[in-house]
Amino acid sequence: MRVTVEPQPREFIRRQPPDVRRQLRETIHAIERGKIFPEPLDEELEGFYKVRVENCRIIVQHVAGEAGPFFRVVFIERRSVVYEMFRQIIALE
């Protein structure tokens, strides 16, 4: 499965210590290879999915593209703030 990464997640990964950066990248590649399938979110975040990596959460969206379905990594942040921050971003769109 193809996975694309938006600017915010790319920047978040870049700012992390090497071990966390490696784990986040490995997790994204595992989603591509079909070894990890993200868990669906509910309520106002329905339509998005999450993957846990240490104390971070990767939020992805399943998208139907011309070349077939793919996942789009839309947000990554620390678990303590990820859902509240993402809800605020969604509300602004």
Protein backbone atom coordinates (compact mmCIF):
# COMPACT_ATOMS: atom_id res chain seq x y z
CA MET A 1 0.00 0.00 0.00
CA ARG A 2 1.34 3.40 -0.91
CA VAL A 3 1.83 5.91 1.95
CA THR A 4 2.40 9.64 1.52
CA VAL A 5 3.61 11.96 4.28
CA GLU A 6 2.37 15.53 4.69
CA PRO A 7 4.69 18.42 5.75
CA GLN A 8 3.78 18.50 9.48
CA PRO A 9 4.63 14.81 10.03
CA ARG A 10 7.86 15.14 8.02
CA GLU A 11 8.93 18.09 10.17
CA PHE A 12 7.94 16.30 13.41
CA ILE A 13 10.02 13.24 12.42
CA ARG A 14 12.99 15.44 11.50
CA ARG A 15 12.99 17.07 14.97
CA GLN A 16 13.05 13.79 16.90
CA PRO A 17 16.08 12.06 18.44
CA PRO A 18 17.62 9.42 16.15
CA ASP A 19 16.01 6.39 17.84
CA VAL A 20 12.48 7.87 17.74
CA ARG A 21 13.02 9.12 14.18
CA ARG A 22 14.05 5.58 13.12
CA GLN A 23 11.01 4.00 14.83
CA LEU A 24 8.59 6.45 13.19
CA ARG A 25 10.08 5.82 9.75
CA GLU A 26 10.09 2.04 10.27
CA THR A 27 6.43 2.17 11.29
CA ILE A 28 5.47 4.14 8.17
CA HIS A 29 7.33 1.59 6.02
CA ALA A 30 5.56 -1.26 7.86
CA ILE A 31 2.21 0.34 6.93
CA GLU A 32 3.40 0.44 3.29
CA ARG A 33 4.31 -3.25 3.41
CA GLY A 34 0.99 -4.20 5.01
CA LYS A 35 2.61 -5.42 8.23
CA ILE A 36 0.77 -2.80 10.32
CA PHE A 37 -2.80 -1.68 9.79
CA PRO A 38 -3.81 1.55 11.57
CA GLU A 39 -6.70 1.46 14.06
CA PRO A 40 -9.78 3.58 13.25
CA LEU A 41 -10.58 6.66 15.31
CA ASP A 42 -14.16 7.49 16.25
CA GLU A 43 -16.52 10.37 16.94
CA GLU A 44 -15.38 13.64 15.33
CA LEU A 45 -12.17 11.97 14.09
CA GLU A 46 -14.03 9.25 12.21
CA GLY A 47 -12.38 8.59 8.86
CA PHE A 48 -8.90 8.87 10.35
CA TYR A 49 -6.72 6.11 11.78
CA LYS A 50 -3.95 5.93 14.40
CA VAL A 51 -0.75 4.02 14.95
CA ARG A 52 1.13 4.06 18.24
CA VAL A 53 4.92 4.51 18.23
CA GLU A 54 6.43 4.88 21.70
CA ASN A 55 4.74 7.96 23.20
CA CYS A 56 3.78 9.35 19.76
CA ARG A 57 0.72 8.82 17.62
CA ILE A 58 0.72 8.77 13.83
CA ILE A 59 -2.62 9.84 12.36
CA VAL A 60 -3.36 8.68 8.83
CA GLN A 61 -6.24 9.01 6.41
CA HIS A 62 -7.27 6.31 3.95
CA VAL A 63 -7.62 7.92 0.52
CA ALA A 64 -9.04 6.55 -2.73
CA GLY A 65 -6.62 7.75 -5.40
CA GLU A 66 -6.56 7.29 -9.17
CA ALA A 67 -3.87 4.62 -8.86
CA GLY A 68 -5.76 2.88 -6.05
CA PRO A 69 -6.24 3.43 -2.34
CA PHE A 70 -3.41 4.69 -0.17
CA PHE A 71 -2.71 6.08 3.29
CA ARG A 72 -1.78 9.71 3.84
CA VAL A 73 0.13 10.52 7.05
CA VAL A 74 -1.54 13.78 8.09
CA PHE A 75 -0.32 14.41 11.66
CA ILE A 76 2.18 13.13 14.23
CA GLU A 77 2.53 14.40 17.76
CA ARG A 78 3.09 13.26 21.35
CA ARG A 79 0.27 11.18 22.78
CA SER A 80 -0.52 13.68 25.51
CA VAL A 81 -1.61 16.36 23.02
CA VAL A 82 -2.12 14.68 19.65
CA TYR A 83 -5.90 14.26 19.62
CA GLU A 84 -6.75 17.70 21.02
CA MET A 85 -4.37 19.41 18.58
CA PHE A 86 -5.67 17.37 15.64
CA ARG A 87 -9.31 18.13 16.55
CA GLN A 88 -8.46 21.84 16.51
CA ILE A 89 -6.81 21.54 13.10
CA ILE A 90 -9.81 19.63 11.69
CA ALA A 91 -12.19 22.26 13.09
CA LEU A 92 -10.31 25.00 11.23
CA GLU A 93 -10.62 23.26 7.85
